Amino acid sequence: MRDFVTIPLSEGETLIIASDNSGAVGMKDADLVKVSYETVAYYSFRVAAMECIAGGGEPISVVLHNFCGNEPWEELVKGVQKGLKELGLNEVSISGSTESNFSLNQSAVGIIVIGKKIKGLPTQLFFSDSIRVAVIGMPLIGNEVVQQQADVAPLSIFQEISSMEEIVVLPVGSKGILYEIKQLFSKTVFIKENLVTKLDVDKSSGPSTCFIVVYPKVHEEKIKRAAGDYFHLLQIKF
């Protein structure tokens, strides 16, 4: 199951809608991870935008749900704008609302990314010797996301690879690499021992600090050139 919804419209157009939530991350006293609200919105936007793009969509609108108070609104918008700039998207609208009647003890943010479908996806992936799997970036969580920014897969690389033909990408979320592999190849039974890599395949990738790419082996050098040092081959053995 992919983390987006597809809504067919008239005249052959289709919307791709993805979302992400963030809680207890921000600048309130009770927050568990202390980071700026620009950072909170940027990484939450990352997740929703990557899911939308992975679903074959191009973002056209962002809806921001702010439960942090009135003051952080502009900073949250800046975080979304930072992500849009990395993706080279200049005509995307940003709207939303703030809970201003009641104050929460911890920060909370929700982001919805609405996209227009521009690319079709295979309905089912089947594992074979003719394909390769790699992870771009590293799975990071909590304060690691800020402390190890150099290991976070850039949105620009994600966009470049996702636009390539014959390639499927999938952001890695809180359930880890192994879980996402099982979603991609739902007809094949995978266990941890099937995946050979230096990365921890069970570790949360937090705000999608890494992503999986599935590709025909003839495209491996092209993927490596695009990913650079973020490239981690994921060998699958049965």
C-alpha atoms as a PDB file:
ATOM      1  CA  MET A   1       0.000   0.000   0.000  1.00  0.00           C
ATOM      2  CA  ARG A   2       1.432   3.380  -1.003  1.00  0.00           C
ATOM      3  CA  ASP A   3       1.052   6.468   1.184  1.00  0.00           C
ATOM      4  CA  PHE A   4      -1.003   8.562  -1.198  1.00  0.00           C
ATOM      5  CA  VAL A   5      -4.489   8.612  -2.647  1.00  0.00           C
ATOM      6  CA  THR A   6      -5.311   8.843  -6.344  1.00  0.00           C
ATOM      7  CA  ILE A   7      -8.436  10.784  -7.355  1.00  0.00           C
ATOM      8  CA  PRO A   8      -9.516  10.628 -11.024  1.00  0.00           C
ATOM      9  CA  LEU A   9     -11.113  13.799 -12.378  1.00  0.00           C
ATOM     10  CA  SER A  10     -12.900  14.551 -15.615  1.00  0.00           C
ATOM     11  CA  GLU A  11     -11.094  14.898 -18.948  1.00  0.00           C
ATOM     12  CA  GLY A  12      -8.444  12.352 -17.998  1.00  0.00           C
ATOM     13  CA  GLU A  13      -6.843  14.387 -15.205  1.00  0.00           C
ATOM     14  CA  THR A  14      -5.883  12.742 -11.901  1.00  0.00           C
ATOM     15  CA  LEU A  15      -4.908  14.176  -8.532  1.00  0.00           C
ATOM     16  CA  ILE A  16      -2.285  12.604  -6.263  1.00  0.00           C
ATOM     17  CA  ILE A  17      -2.722  13.575  -2.598  1.00  0.00           C
ATOM     18  CA  ALA A  18      -0.203  12.824   0.148  1.00  0.00           C
ATOM     19  CA  SER A  19       0.195  14.029   3.726  1.00  0.00           C
ATOM     20  CA  ASP A  20       2.459  14.027   6.755  1.00  0.00           C
ATOM     21  CA  ASN A  21       2.131  14.910  10.450  1.00  0.00           C
ATOM     22  CA  SER A  22       4.690  16.091  12.990  1.00  0.00           C
ATOM     23  CA  GLY A  23       4.205  16.085  16.762  1.00  0.00           C
ATOM     24  CA  ALA A  24       6.380  17.054  19.765  1.00  0.00           C
ATOM     25  CA  VAL A  25       8.978  18.554  17.414  1.00  0.00           C
ATOM     26  CA  GLY A  26       9.514  22.301  17.589  1.00  0.00           C
ATOM     27  CA  MET A  27      10.280  25.045  20.103  1.00  0.00           C
ATOM     28  CA  LYS A  28       7.734  24.491  22.887  1.00  0.00           C
ATOM     29  CA  ASP A  29       9.057  23.577  26.334  1.00  0.00           C
ATOM     30  CA  ALA A  30       7.450  20.133  26.241  1.00  0.00           C
ATOM     31  CA  ASP A  31       8.697  19.229  22.744  1.00  0.00           C
ATOM     32  CA  LEU A  32      10.890  16.141  22.638  1.00  0.00           C
ATOM     33  CA  VAL A  33      13.034  17.360  19.738  1.00  0.00           C
ATOM     34  CA  LYS A  34      13.986  21.053  19.736  1.00  0.00           C
ATOM     35  CA  VAL A  35      14.344  22.494  16.233  1.00  0.00           C
ATOM     36  CA  SER A  36      13.139  25.647  14.480  1.00  0.00           C
ATOM     37  CA  TYR A  37       9.654  25.689  12.996  1.00  0.00           C
ATOM     38  CA  GLU A  38      11.189  26.242   9.574  1.00  0.00           C
ATOM     39  CA  THR A  39      12.950  22.899  10.007  1.00  0.00           C
ATOM     40  CA  VAL A  40       9.743  21.246  11.242  1.00  0.00           C
ATOM     41  CA  ALA A  41       7.781  22.363   8.179  1.00  0.00           C
ATOM     42  CA  TYR A  42      10.604  21.605   5.750  1.00  0.00           C
ATOM     43  CA  TYR A  43      10.925  17.979   6.799  1.00  0.00           C
ATOM     44  CA  SER A  44       7.187  17.416   7.053  1.00  0.00           C
ATOM     45  CA  PHE A  45       6.796  18.884   3.572  1.00  0.00           C
ATOM     46  CA  ARG A  46       9.595  16.593   2.356  1.00  0.00           C
ATOM     47  CA  VAL A  47       7.654  13.493   3.330  1.00  0.00           C
ATOM     48  CA  ALA A  48       4.376  14.530   1.707  1.00  0.00           C
ATOM     49  CA  ALA A  49       6.062  15.905  -1.425  1.00  0.00           C
ATOM     50  CA  MET A  50       8.203  12.789  -1.889  1.00  0.00           C
ATOM     51  CA  GLU A  51       5.145  10.553  -1.540  1.00  0.00           C
ATOM     52  CA  CYS A  52       3.265  12.673  -4.077  1.00  0.00           C
ATOM     53  CA  ILE A  53       6.140  12.588  -6.575  1.00  0.00           C
ATOM     54  CA  ALA A  54       6.736   8.866  -6.003  1.00  0.00           C
ATOM     55  CA  GLY A  55       3.057   8.378  -6.854  1.00  0.00           C
ATOM     56  CA  GLY A  56       3.625   9.979 -10.242  1.00  0.00           C
ATOM     57  CA  GLY A  57       2.426  13.450  -9.274  1.00  0.00           C
ATOM     58  CA  GLU A  58       3.760  16.979  -9.614  1.00  0.00           C
ATOM     59  CA  PRO A  59       2.890  19.165  -6.589  1.00  0.00           C
ATOM     60  CA  ILE A  60       0.520  22.029  -7.370  1.00  0.00           C
ATOM     61  CA  SER A  61      -0.711  23.009  -3.893  1.00  0.00           C
ATOM     62  CA  VAL A  62       0.291  22.688  -0.231  1.00  0.00           C
ATOM     63  CA  VAL A  63      -2.109  22.855   2.727  1.00  0.00           C
ATOM     64  CA  LEU A  64      -0.545  23.608   6.115  1.00  0.00           C
ATOM     65  CA  HIS A  65      -2.259  22.720   9.429  1.00  0.00           C
ATOM     66  CA  ASN A  66      -0.598  24.613  12.263  1.00  0.00           C
ATOM     67  CA  PHE A  67      -1.159  23.741  15.938  1.00  0.00           C
ATOM     68  CA  CYS A  68       1.937  25.600  17.192  1.00  0.00           C
ATOM     69  CA  GLY A  69       0.320  29.010  17.700  1.00  0.00           C
ATOM     70  CA  ASN A  70       0.081  32.181  15.610  1.00  0.00           C
ATOM     71  CA  GLU A  71       3.706  33.244  15.897  1.00  0.00           C
ATOM     72  CA  PRO A  72       5.365  30.337  14.030  1.00  0.00           C
ATOM     73  CA  TRP A  73       3.170  30.636  10.902  1.00  0.00           C
ATOM     74  CA  GLU A  74       5.615  32.607   8.759  1.00  0.00           C
ATOM     75  CA  GLU A  75       8.484  30.357   9.799  1.00  0.00           C
ATOM     76  CA  LEU A  76       6.463  27.270   8.882  1.00  0.00           C
ATOM     77  CA  VAL A  77       5.689  28.757   5.470  1.00  0.00           C
ATOM     78  CA  LYS A  78       9.420  29.439   4.982  1.00  0.00           C
ATOM     79  CA  GLY A  79      10.113  25.753   5.586  1.00  0.00           C
ATOM     80  CA  VAL A  80       7.634  24.731   2.901  1.00  0.00           C
ATOM     81  CA  GLN A  81       9.065  27.321   0.517  1.00  0.00           C
ATOM     82  CA  LYS A  82      12.561  25.952   1.112  1.00  0.00           C
ATOM     83  CA  GLY A  83      11.410  22.507   0.001  1.00  0.00           C
ATOM     84  CA  LEU A  84       9.603  23.879  -3.044  1.00  0.00           C
ATOM     85  CA  LYS A  85      12.722  25.785  -4.063  1.00  0.00           C
ATOM     86  CA  GLU A  86      14.819  22.604  -3.890  1.00  0.00           C
ATOM     87  CA  LEU A  87      12.316  20.952  -6.203  1.00  0.00           C
ATOM     88  CA  GLY A  88      12.374  23.916  -8.590  1.00  0.00           C
ATOM     89  CA  LEU A  89       8.644  24.512  -8.089  1.00  0.00           C
ATOM     90  CA  ASN A  90       7.742  28.203  -8.199  1.00  0.00           C
ATOM     91  CA  GLU A  91       4.004  28.210  -8.929  1.00  0.00           C
ATOM     92  CA  VAL A  92       2.763  26.100  -6.005  1.00  0.00           C
ATOM     93  CA  SER A  93       0.162  27.713  -3.753  1.00  0.00           C
ATOM     94  CA  ILE A  94       0.420  27.472   0.045  1.00  0.00           C
ATOM     95  CA  SER A  95      -2.717  27.737   2.181  1.00  0.00           C
ATOM     96  CA  GLY A  96      -3.871  26.464   5.556  1.00  0.00           C
ATOM     97  CA  SER A  97      -5.015  27.426   9.010  1.00  0.00           C
ATOM     98  CA  THR A  98      -3.835  27.901  12.582  1.00  0.00           C
ATOM     99  CA  GLU A  99      -5.434  26.668  15.788  1.00  0.00           C
ATOM    100  CA  SER A 100      -5.508  29.980  17.668  1.00  0.00           C
ATOM    101  CA  ASN A 101      -8.333  29.385  20.135  1.00  0.00           C
ATOM    102  CA  PHE A 102      -6.447  26.890  22.285  1.00  0.00           C
ATOM    103  CA  SER A 103      -2.756  26.443  23.088  1.00  0.00           C
ATOM    104  CA  LEU A 104      -1.180  22.979  22.995  1.00  0.00           C
ATOM    105  CA  ASN A 105       1.651  21.938  25.301  1.00  0.00           C
ATOM    106  CA  GLN A 106       3.587  20.436  22.372  1.00  0.00           C
ATOM    107  CA  SER A 107       4.052  21.510  18.771  1.00  0.00           C
ATOM    108  CA  ALA A 108       2.004  19.817  16.051  1.00  0.00           C
ATOM    109  CA  VAL A 109       1.952  20.334  12.293  1.00  0.00           C
ATOM    110  CA  GLY A 110       0.120  18.623   9.435  1.00  0.00           C
ATOM    111  CA  ILE A 111       0.892  19.082   5.753  1.00  0.00           C
ATOM    112  CA  ILE A 112      -1.042  17.951   2.682  1.00  0.00           C
ATOM    113  CA  VAL A 113       0.536  18.051  -0.777  1.00  0.00           C
ATOM    114  CA  ILE A 114      -1.799  17.944  -3.758  1.00  0.00           C
ATOM    115  CA  GLY A 115      -0.286  17.015  -7.092  1.00  0.00           C
ATOM    116  CA  LYS A 116      -1.317  16.532 -10.690  1.00  0.00           C
ATOM    117  CA  LYS A 117      -0.508  13.094 -12.066  1.00  0.00           C
ATOM    118  CA  ILE A 118       2.146  13.261 -14.785  1.00  0.00           C
ATOM    119  CA  LYS A 119       3.585   9.733 -14.695  1.00  0.00           C
ATOM    120  CA  GLY A 120       2.071   6.272 -14.547  1.00  0.00           C
ATOM    121  CA  LEU A 121       3.290   3.592 -12.146  1.00  0.00           C
ATOM    122  CA  PRO A 122       3.317  -0.203 -12.375  1.00  0.00           C
ATOM    123  CA  THR A 123       0.497  -1.679 -10.329  1.00  0.00           C
ATOM    124  CA  GLN A 124       2.710  -4.513  -9.087  1.00  0.00           C
ATOM    125  CA  LEU A 125       6.479  -5.062  -8.891  1.00  0.00           C
ATOM    126  CA  PHE A 126       7.915  -8.563  -9.236  1.00  0.00           C
ATOM    127  CA  PHE A 127      11.427  -9.276  -8.045  1.00  0.00           C
ATOM    128  CA  SER A 128      13.815 -10.874 -10.555  1.00  0.00           C
ATOM    129  CA  ASP A 129      17.538 -11.078 -11.353  1.00  0.00           C
ATOM    130  CA  SER A 130      17.129  -8.359 -13.998  1.00  0.00           C
ATOM    131  CA  ILE A 131      16.438  -5.565 -11.498  1.00  0.00           C
ATOM    132  CA  ARG A 132      18.489  -3.827  -8.848  1.00  0.00           C
ATOM    133  CA  VAL A 133      17.500  -2.108  -5.612  1.00  0.00           C
ATOM    134  CA  ALA A 134      19.366   0.723  -3.889  1.00  0.00           C
ATOM    135  CA  VAL A 135      18.818   3.100  -0.992  1.00  0.00           C
ATOM    136  CA  ILE A 136      19.660   6.764  -1.493  1.00  0.00           C
ATOM    137  CA  GLY A 137      20.568   8.514   1.764  1.00  0.00           C
ATOM    138  CA  MET A 138      20.536   7.018   5.262  1.00  0.00           C
ATOM    139  CA  PRO A 139      17.708   6.260   7.712  1.00  0.00           C
ATOM    140  CA  LEU A 140      17.801   8.915  10.458  1.00  0.00           C
ATOM    141  CA  ILE A 141      15.472   9.804  13.291  1.00  0.00           C
ATOM    142  CA  GLY A 142      15.030  12.588  15.860  1.00  0.00           C
ATOM    143  CA  ASN A 143      18.097  14.735  16.496  1.00  0.00           C
ATOM    144  CA  GLU A 144      20.104  12.658  13.990  1.00  0.00           C
ATOM    145  CA  VAL A 145      18.224  14.430  11.203  1.00  0.00           C
ATOM    146  CA  VAL A 146      19.816  17.739  12.209  1.00  0.00           C
ATOM    147  CA  GLN A 147      23.172  16.384  13.372  1.00  0.00           C
ATOM    148  CA  GLN A 148      23.754  14.270  10.234  1.00  0.00           C
ATOM    149  CA  GLN A 149      22.287  16.508   7.544  1.00  0.00           C
ATOM    150  CA  ALA A 150      25.059  15.423   5.180  1.00  0.00           C
ATOM    151  CA  ASP A 151      23.496  11.931   5.115  1.00  0.00           C
ATOM    152  CA  VAL A 152      19.979  13.132   4.229  1.00  0.00           C
ATOM    153  CA  ALA A 153      19.079  12.504   0.576  1.00  0.00           C
ATOM    154  CA  PRO A 154      18.519  15.928  -1.084  1.00  0.00           C
ATOM    155  CA  LEU A 155      15.121  16.590  -2.632  1.00  0.00           C
ATOM    156  CA  SER A 156      16.844  17.578  -5.887  1.00  0.00           C
ATOM    157  CA  ILE A 157      18.374  14.101  -6.209  1.00  0.00           C
ATOM    158  CA  PHE A 158      15.054  12.463  -5.366  1.00  0.00           C
ATOM    159  CA  GLN A 159      13.333  14.495  -8.059  1.00  0.00           C
ATOM    160  CA  GLU A 160      16.017  13.748 -10.665  1.00  0.00           C
ATOM    161  CA  ILE A 161      15.915  10.001 -10.083  1.00  0.00           C
ATOM    162  CA  SER A 162      12.122   9.822  -9.840  1.00  0.00           C
ATOM    163  CA  SER A 163      11.820  11.462 -13.277  1.00  0.00           C
ATOM    164  CA  MET A 164      13.878   8.723 -14.973  1.00  0.00           C
ATOM    165  CA  GLU A 165      12.147   6.148 -17.154  1.00  0.00           C
ATOM    166  CA  GLU A 166      11.777   2.493 -16.032  1.00  0.00           C
ATOM    167  CA  ILE A 167      12.485   3.463 -12.430  1.00  0.00           C
ATOM    168  CA  VAL A 168      10.301   3.251  -9.308  1.00  0.00           C
ATOM    169  CA  VAL A 169      11.075   5.229  -6.141  1.00  0.00           C
ATOM    170  CA  LEU A 170       9.619   4.981  -2.647  1.00  0.00           C
ATOM    171  CA  PRO A 171      10.423   7.223   0.341  1.00  0.00           C
ATOM    172  CA  VAL A 172      11.331   5.297   3.493  1.00  0.00           C
ATOM    173  CA  GLY A 173       9.219   6.262   6.482  1.00  0.00           C
ATOM    174  CA  SER A 174       9.091   5.448  10.175  1.00  0.00           C
ATOM    175  CA  LYS A 175       8.709   1.693   9.629  1.00  0.00           C
ATOM    176  CA  GLY A 176      12.071   1.315   7.903  1.00  0.00           C
ATOM    177  CA  ILE A 177      13.609  -0.043   4.719  1.00  0.00           C
ATOM    178  CA  LEU A 178      12.511  -3.673   5.126  1.00  0.00           C
ATOM    179  CA  TYR A 179       8.878  -2.672   5.590  1.00  0.00           C
ATOM    180  CA  GLU A 180       8.930  -0.529   2.434  1.00  0.00           C
ATOM    181  CA  ILE A 181      10.575  -3.320   0.421  1.00  0.00           C
ATOM    182  CA  LYS A 182       7.712  -5.585   1.444  1.00  0.00           C
ATOM    183  CA  GLN A 183       5.224  -2.968   0.216  1.00  0.00           C
ATOM    184  CA  LEU A 184       6.975  -2.688  -3.151  1.00  0.00           C
ATOM    185  CA  PHE A 185       7.227  -6.448  -3.714  1.00  0.00           C
ATOM    186  CA  SER A 186       4.045  -7.602  -2.023  1.00  0.00           C
ATOM    187  CA  LYS A 187       4.027 -10.928  -3.897  1.00  0.00           C
ATOM    188  CA  THR A 188       7.468 -11.885  -2.553  1.00  0.00           C
ATOM    189  CA  VAL A 189       8.197 -12.864   1.049  1.00  0.00           C
ATOM    190  CA  PHE A 190      11.154 -10.929   2.453  1.00  0.00           C
ATOM    191  CA  ILE A 191      12.906 -11.300   5.798  1.00  0.00           C
ATOM    192  CA  LYS A 192      15.740  -9.195   7.178  1.00  0.00           C
ATOM    193  CA  GLU A 193      18.349 -11.790   6.206  1.00  0.00           C
ATOM    194  CA  ASN A 194      17.409 -11.405   2.515  1.00  0.00           C
ATOM    195  CA  LEU A 195      18.730  -7.829   2.462  1.00  0.00           C
ATOM    196  CA  VAL A 196      22.506  -7.363   2.362  1.00  0.00           C
ATOM    197  CA  THR A 197      23.546  -3.798   3.202  1.00  0.00           C
ATOM    198  CA  LYS A 198      25.484  -1.768   5.761  1.00  0.00           C
ATOM    199  CA  LEU A 199      22.302   0.164   6.573  1.00  0.00           C
ATOM    200  CA  ASP A 200      19.929  -0.811   9.384  1.00  0.00           C
ATOM    201  CA  VAL A 201      16.891  -2.031   7.447  1.00  0.00           C
ATOM    202  CA  ASP A 202      14.616  -1.924  10.518  1.00  0.00           C
ATOM    203  CA  LYS A 203      15.505   1.608  11.596  1.00  0.00           C
ATOM    204  CA  SER A 204      13.041   4.464  11.176  1.00  0.00           C
ATOM    205  CA  SER A 205      13.888   6.904   8.416  1.00  0.00           C
ATOM    206  CA  GLY A 206      12.033   9.663  10.247  1.00  0.00           C
ATOM    207  CA  PRO A 207      11.037  12.382   7.755  1.00  0.00           C
ATOM    208  CA  SER A 208      12.039  10.240   4.748  1.00  0.00           C
ATOM    209  CA  THR A 209      15.761  10.969   5.008  1.00  0.00           C
ATOM    210  CA  CYS A 210      16.337   8.165   2.508  1.00  0.00           C
ATOM    211  CA  PHE A 211      14.434   6.520  -0.317  1.00  0.00           C
ATOM    212  CA  ILE A 212      14.413   3.244  -2.216  1.00  0.00           C
ATOM    213  CA  VAL A 213      14.955   3.084  -5.950  1.00  0.00           C
ATOM    214  CA  VAL A 214      14.140   0.015  -8.060  1.00  0.00           C
ATOM    215  CA  TYR A 215      15.657  -0.066 -11.550  1.00  0.00           C
ATOM    216  CA  PRO A 216      16.787  -2.359 -14.392  1.00  0.00           C
ATOM    217  CA  LYS A 217      20.458  -3.212 -13.843  1.00  0.00           C
ATOM    218  CA  VAL A 218      21.397  -1.515 -17.143  1.00  0.00           C
ATOM    219  CA  HIS A 219      20.605   1.831 -15.455  1.00  0.00           C
ATOM    220  CA  GLU A 220      22.841   1.348 -12.430  1.00  0.00           C
ATOM    221  CA  GLU A 221      25.647   3.686 -13.524  1.00  0.00           C
ATOM    222  CA  LYS A 222      23.117   6.415 -14.310  1.00  0.00           C
ATOM    223  CA  ILE A 223      21.602   6.040 -10.833  1.00  0.00           C
ATOM    224  CA  LYS A 224      25.040   6.114  -9.209  1.00  0.00           C
ATOM    225  CA  ARG A 225      26.017   9.289 -11.051  1.00  0.00           C
ATOM    226  CA  ALA A 226      22.847  11.030  -9.943  1.00  0.00           C
ATOM    227  CA  ALA A 227      23.069   9.859  -6.319  1.00  0.00           C
ATOM    228  CA  GLY A 228      26.813  10.234  -5.753  1.00  0.00           C
ATOM    229  CA  ASP A 229      27.893   9.353  -2.207  1.00  0.00           C
ATOM    230  CA  TYR A 230      24.256   8.951  -1.134  1.00  0.00           C
ATOM    231  CA  PHE A 231      24.054   5.661  -3.101  1.00  0.00           C
ATOM    232  CA  HIS A 232      23.847   2.401  -1.107  1.00  0.00           C
ATOM    233  CA  LEU A 233      23.338  -0.818  -3.059  1.00  0.00           C
ATOM    234  CA  LEU A 234      20.804  -3.144  -1.468  1.00  0.00           C
ATOM    235  CA  GLN A 235      21.648  -6.710  -2.447  1.00  0.00           C
ATOM    236  CA  ILE A 236      18.793  -9.181  -2.234  1.00  0.00           C
ATOM    237  CA  LYS A 237      19.645 -12.821  -1.658  1.00  0.00           C
ATOM    238  CA  PHE A 238      17.377 -15.814  -1.125  1.00  0.00           C
END
